[in-house]
Amino acid sequence: MSRALQDGELVLLTDRKGRRYLVTLAEGQQFHTHAGSVSHDALIGGTEGMQVRTSRNAELTIWRPTLRDYVLKMPRGAQVVYPKDSAAILMLADVFPGARVLESGVGSGALSISLLRAGATVLGYEIREDFAQQAMENVTGFLGSEVAERYHTEIRDCYQGIDATGLDRVVLDLPEPWQVVPHAAASLHPGGILAAYTPSIVQAAQLREACEAGPWAGASTVEILHRGWHIKGDAVRPEHRMVGHTGFVTAVRRLAD
C-alpha cells in the first residue's frame, strides 16, 4: 500500500524535459520554477507518481528520491563519489549488514550513505570539520536521524593511523591511500578488505605497489564507465553523452599473520 507524502518529507519533482528538483515539503510553502509554481499543500497527502500542474500549466511528477537522485542533487562541499563507483565499491568491498567499516575522506557523505544503507556501521575520518558536518547533514537528510547510531565521524588524519581494531572493511577516498596501507593492515581482521577510490591510475598503481609488501592478496583494480542508451521506437542508439572516467576502484584482502 502506498504511503501518503508527509509534511517535512523530502521529495523529487521532475518535469517533461527530465529536470529534477529536490524539495522538502512544508505546509503553506510554494515550489517555484521557470515553468511556474505549485503549492506544497497540493502535494502533501498525495502519492508517489502523482502528476500536478504548475501555475503556468507545466506538468510535474512527484517521487520519493532514490539514492542516486539524492547523491546527484544533495548539497556538497567536496566532490562526491558517483553512484556508479559507489556501486562498485559496495561489491568489491563486499559490504554487508553489520560490517564495521572505517571510511576515510568522507567528503560530502555520498559514499557514507551507500555504506550505511547496505547495513554497515561506519566510522568516518575527515580532516575538514565543515566537510564532516555537511556529510552528517546529508546522511541524516536521506536516511533519517536514527542512522546516527551507526554513523560516527571524527576529525582525524588517516595517514597518522587508525584508532580502531577488528574492522571488517577500510574504504578510502584519499589522495595518497598507500600511506594508509600499514594502518589498515593493523586494524583489519584476516580476510578483511581494503578498498580505495582514486582519480588517477598512477595513484592506483602506487597503492598496488604498497600492498605487494604484504600482508595482502587478491588485489584488483577496475574502472566503471556508464553509457546510457536512447530507445524510442525504431530509433535505438547509444546516448550522445556518457559518464566516462571518474576514478578507479582498487580492492585487496588481508592475509592472516
Protein backbone atom coordinates (compact mmCIF):
# COMPACT_ATOMS: atom_id res chain seq x y z
CA MET A 1 0.00 0.00 0.00
CA SER A 2 1.38 3.41 -0.99
CA ARG A 3 2.25 5.72 1.91
CA ALA A 4 0.95 9.30 1.63
CA LEU A 5 3.51 12.09 1.28
CA GLN A 6 4.04 13.93 4.55
CA ASP A 7 4.78 17.47 5.68
CA GLY A 8 8.55 17.72 6.17
CA GLU A 9 9.31 14.87 3.75
CA LEU A 10 11.98 15.12 1.05
CA VAL A 11 10.60 14.60 -2.46
CA LEU A 12 11.83 14.78 -6.04
CA LEU A 13 9.95 16.77 -8.68
CA THR A 14 10.63 16.02 -12.35
CA ASP A 15 9.43 17.82 -15.47
CA ARG A 16 8.88 16.62 -19.04
CA LYS A 17 12.46 17.50 -20.02
CA GLY A 18 13.92 15.36 -17.24
CA ARG A 19 14.94 18.22 -14.97
CA ARG A 20 14.97 17.19 -11.31
CA TYR A 21 14.39 19.22 -8.15
CA LEU A 22 14.84 18.10 -4.54
CA VAL A 23 12.20 19.73 -2.33
CA THR A 24 11.34 19.39 1.36
CA LEU A 25 7.57 19.64 1.72
CA ALA A 26 6.30 22.28 4.14
CA GLU A 27 2.72 23.34 4.72
CA GLY A 28 1.92 26.76 3.26
CA GLN A 29 5.04 26.89 1.08
CA GLN A 30 5.39 27.17 -2.70
CA PHE A 31 7.81 25.50 -5.10
CA HIS A 32 8.91 27.91 -7.83
CA THR A 33 10.48 27.12 -11.19
CA HIS A 34 10.84 28.89 -14.52
CA ALA A 35 7.72 26.95 -15.57
CA GLY A 36 5.55 28.31 -12.77
CA SER A 37 4.81 27.46 -9.15
CA VAL A 38 2.97 24.73 -7.27
CA SER A 39 1.76 24.71 -3.68
CA HIS A 40 3.30 22.21 -1.29
CA ASP A 41 -0.19 21.73 0.13
CA ALA A 42 -1.23 20.26 -3.24
CA LEU A 43 1.47 17.60 -2.80
CA ILE A 44 1.16 16.77 0.90
CA GLY A 45 -1.17 13.82 1.33
CA GLY A 46 -0.62 12.75 -2.27
CA THR A 47 1.16 9.65 -3.57
CA GLU A 48 4.34 8.93 -5.49
CA GLY A 49 3.91 9.12 -9.24
CA MET A 50 1.23 11.80 -8.90
CA GLN A 51 1.28 14.45 -11.62
CA VAL A 52 0.40 18.07 -10.94
CA ARG A 53 0.24 21.30 -12.94
CA THR A 54 2.13 24.47 -12.14
CA SER A 55 0.62 27.95 -12.30
CA ARG A 56 1.82 28.08 -15.93
CA ASN A 57 0.30 24.67 -16.75
CA ALA A 58 3.61 22.79 -16.81
CA GLU A 59 3.42 19.17 -15.70
CA LEU A 60 5.47 17.93 -12.75
CA THR A 61 5.67 14.38 -11.40
CA ILE A 62 6.42 13.79 -7.72
CA TRP A 63 8.54 10.92 -6.37
CA ARG A 64 10.43 9.94 -3.29
CA PRO A 65 14.07 10.35 -4.35
CA THR A 66 16.19 7.28 -4.95
CA LEU A 67 19.70 7.15 -3.52
CA ARG A 68 21.05 8.02 -6.97
CA ASP A 69 18.72 11.02 -7.23
CA TYR A 70 19.78 12.26 -3.82
CA VAL A 71 23.53 11.89 -4.33
CA LEU A 72 23.46 13.81 -7.61
CA LYS A 73 21.36 16.66 -6.18
CA MET A 74 22.31 16.89 -2.49
CA PRO A 75 24.32 19.82 -1.06
CA ARG A 76 28.05 19.23 -1.31
CA GLY A 77 31.24 20.73 -0.01
CA ALA A 78 33.55 18.21 -1.71
CA GLN A 79 33.21 16.27 -4.95
CA VAL A 80 31.09 13.16 -4.43
CA VAL A 81 31.77 9.53 -5.31
CA TYR A 82 29.37 8.94 -8.20
CA PRO A 83 26.66 6.26 -7.91
CA LYS A 84 28.35 4.02 -10.49
CA ASP A 85 31.55 3.99 -8.41
CA SER A 86 29.73 3.61 -5.08
CA ALA A 87 28.02 0.51 -6.50
CA ALA A 88 31.40 -0.95 -7.50
CA ILE A 89 32.87 -0.20 -4.07
CA LEU A 90 29.96 -1.92 -2.30
CA MET A 91 30.50 -5.05 -4.38
CA LEU A 92 34.31 -5.14 -4.41
CA ALA A 93 34.48 -4.41 -0.69
CA ASP A 94 31.60 -6.86 -0.08
CA VAL A 95 29.87 -4.54 2.39
CA PHE A 96 27.25 -6.44 4.40
CA PRO A 97 24.73 -5.70 7.18
CA GLY A 98 26.58 -5.28 10.45
CA ALA A 99 30.01 -4.77 8.86
CA ARG A 100 32.35 -2.48 10.79
CA VAL A 101 33.70 -0.04 8.22
CA LEU A 102 36.32 2.68 8.53
CA GLU A 103 35.76 5.29 5.81
CA SER A 104 38.40 7.98 5.43
CA GLY A 105 37.76 11.05 3.32
CA VAL A 106 34.00 11.23 3.87
CA GLY A 107 33.70 14.48 1.89
CA SER A 108 30.01 15.27 1.38
CA GLY A 109 28.84 11.86 2.60
CA ALA A 110 27.74 10.25 -0.68
CA LEU A 111 29.67 7.02 -0.11
CA SER A 112 28.75 7.07 3.58
CA ILE A 113 25.06 6.93 2.63
CA SER A 114 25.67 3.89 0.40
CA LEU A 115 27.65 2.08 3.12
CA LEU A 116 25.02 2.79 5.76
CA ARG A 117 22.14 1.80 3.52
CA ALA A 118 23.91 -1.52 2.93
CA GLY A 119 23.66 -2.04 6.70
CA ALA A 120 27.21 -1.22 7.78
CA THR A 121 28.30 0.64 10.90
CA VAL A 122 30.59 3.42 9.70
CA LEU A 123 33.37 5.30 11.46
CA GLY A 124 34.33 8.24 9.26
CA TYR A 125 37.63 10.10 9.35
CA GLU A 126 37.71 13.59 7.80
CA ILE A 127 40.33 16.31 8.19
CA ARG A 128 37.91 19.17 7.47
CA GLU A 129 35.24 19.88 10.05
CA ASP A 130 32.95 21.62 7.54
CA PHE A 131 33.00 18.55 5.29
CA ALA A 132 32.25 16.26 8.24
CA GLN A 133 29.29 18.46 9.21
CA GLN A 134 27.98 18.51 5.64
CA ALA A 135 28.33 14.73 5.45
CA MET A 136 26.32 14.24 8.64
CA GLU A 137 23.59 16.57 7.37
CA ASN A 138 23.39 14.75 4.04
CA VAL A 139 23.38 11.32 5.68
CA THR A 140 20.58 12.14 8.10
CA GLY A 141 18.74 14.13 5.44
CA PHE A 142 18.31 10.98 3.36
CA LEU A 143 18.38 8.13 5.90
CA GLY A 144 16.86 9.89 8.93
CA SER A 145 18.29 10.84 12.30
CA GLU A 146 18.10 7.28 13.63
CA VAL A 147 21.03 6.29 11.38
CA ALA A 148 23.31 8.39 13.62
CA GLU A 149 23.52 5.31 15.87
CA ARG A 150 25.58 3.66 13.12
CA TYR A 151 27.46 6.69 11.83
CA HIS A 152 30.22 8.48 13.71
CA THR A 153 32.68 10.99 12.28
CA GLU A 154 35.96 12.17 13.74
CA ILE A 155 38.27 14.98 12.67
CA ARG A 156 41.34 12.83 12.11
CA ASP A 157 44.11 12.28 9.58
CA CYS A 158 44.09 8.65 8.49
CA TYR A 159 47.69 8.96 7.33
CA GLN A 160 48.64 9.22 11.01
CA GLY A 161 46.90 5.97 11.96
CA ILE A 162 43.58 4.24 12.59
CA ASP A 163 42.33 4.17 16.15
CA ALA A 164 40.20 1.05 15.75
CA THR A 165 40.81 -2.70 15.54
CA GLY A 166 38.86 -5.71 14.36
CA LEU A 167 37.48 -3.84 11.36
CA ASP A 168 35.78 -5.70 8.54
CA ARG A 169 36.45 -3.11 5.86
CA VAL A 170 38.56 0.01 5.28
CA VAL A 171 37.31 2.28 2.48
CA LEU A 172 39.42 5.23 1.32
CA ASP A 173 38.85 8.31 -0.84
CA LEU A 174 42.22 9.98 -0.29
CA PRO A 175 44.99 11.42 -2.50
CA GLU A 176 47.65 9.06 -1.09
CA PRO A 177 45.92 5.85 0.03
CA TRP A 178 49.22 3.95 0.09
CA GLN A 179 50.08 5.82 3.29
CA VAL A 180 47.17 4.06 4.99
CA VAL A 181 48.15 0.51 3.93
CA PRO A 182 50.16 -0.35 7.11
CA HIS A 183 47.50 1.19 9.35
CA ALA A 184 44.77 -0.80 7.57
CA ALA A 185 46.78 -4.00 7.98
CA ALA A 186 46.91 -3.41 11.74
CA SER A 187 43.20 -2.60 12.00
CA LEU A 188 41.56 -5.18 9.72
CA HIS A 189 40.99 -8.74 10.80
CA PRO A 190 42.30 -11.53 8.49
CA GLY A 191 40.08 -11.71 5.41
CA GLY A 192 39.12 -8.06 5.76
CA ILE A 193 39.09 -5.86 2.68
CA LEU A 194 40.78 -2.55 1.90
CA ALA A 195 39.10 -0.61 -0.93
CA ALA A 196 40.27 2.71 -2.33
CA TYR A 197 38.85 5.17 -4.85
CA THR A 198 41.50 7.09 -6.82
CA PRO A 199 41.04 9.51 -9.76
CA SER A 200 44.47 8.68 -11.27
CA ILE A 201 45.81 5.30 -12.42
CA VAL A 202 49.21 6.40 -11.07
CA GLN A 203 47.64 6.59 -7.60
CA ALA A 204 46.12 3.12 -8.07
CA ALA A 205 49.48 1.72 -9.20
CA GLN A 206 51.29 3.19 -6.20
CA LEU A 207 48.65 1.71 -3.89
CA ARG A 208 49.06 -1.71 -5.50
CA GLU A 209 52.84 -1.46 -5.12
CA ALA A 210 52.47 -0.66 -1.39
CA CYS A 211 50.27 -3.73 -0.95
CA GLU A 212 52.86 -6.05 -2.52
CA ALA A 213 54.90 -5.88 0.69
CA GLY A 214 52.06 -7.73 2.45
CA PRO A 215 50.05 -8.89 4.21
CA TRP A 216 47.67 -8.64 1.21
CA ALA A 217 46.40 -10.79 -1.64
CA GLY A 218 43.79 -10.86 -4.38
CA ALA A 219 44.27 -7.25 -5.50
CA SER A 220 42.08 -5.94 -8.33
CA THR A 221 41.57 -2.52 -9.93
CA VAL A 222 38.57 -1.57 -12.07
CA GLU A 223 37.25 1.48 -13.89
CA ILE A 224 33.48 1.83 -14.36
CA LEU A 225 32.14 3.60 -17.46
CA HIS A 226 28.42 4.33 -17.67
CA ARG A 227 26.80 4.65 -21.10
CA GLY A 228 23.06 5.11 -21.43
CA TRP A 229 21.00 4.19 -24.49
CA HIS A 230 18.37 6.16 -26.37
CA ILE A 231 15.41 3.89 -27.12
CA LYS A 232 12.36 5.35 -28.84
CA GLY A 233 10.53 3.21 -31.35
CA ASP A 234 12.96 2.13 -34.06
CA ALA A 235 15.48 4.78 -33.01
CA VAL A 236 17.92 2.78 -30.88
CA ARG A 237 21.42 4.14 -30.31
CA PRO A 238 23.88 5.00 -27.55
CA GLU A 239 23.27 8.35 -25.87
CA HIS A 240 25.45 11.15 -27.22
CA ARG A 241 26.82 11.81 -23.74
CA MET A 242 28.02 9.30 -21.16
CA VAL A 243 29.51 9.28 -17.67
CA GLY A 244 33.06 8.40 -18.57
CA HIS A 245 36.13 8.31 -16.36
CA THR A 246 35.65 9.43 -12.79
CA GLY A 247 38.05 7.17 -10.91
CA PHE A 248 39.50 3.73 -10.30
CA VAL A 249 38.43 1.34 -7.54
CA THR A 250 41.11 -0.92 -6.05
CA ALA A 251 40.35 -3.69 -3.57
CA VAL A 252 42.68 -6.07 -1.73
CA ARG A 253 42.23 -8.62 1.09
CA ARG A 254 44.24 -9.00 4.25
CA LEU A 255 46.10 -12.26 4.75
CA ALA A 256 46.44 -14.00 8.12
CA ASP A 257 49.58 -13.20 10.10
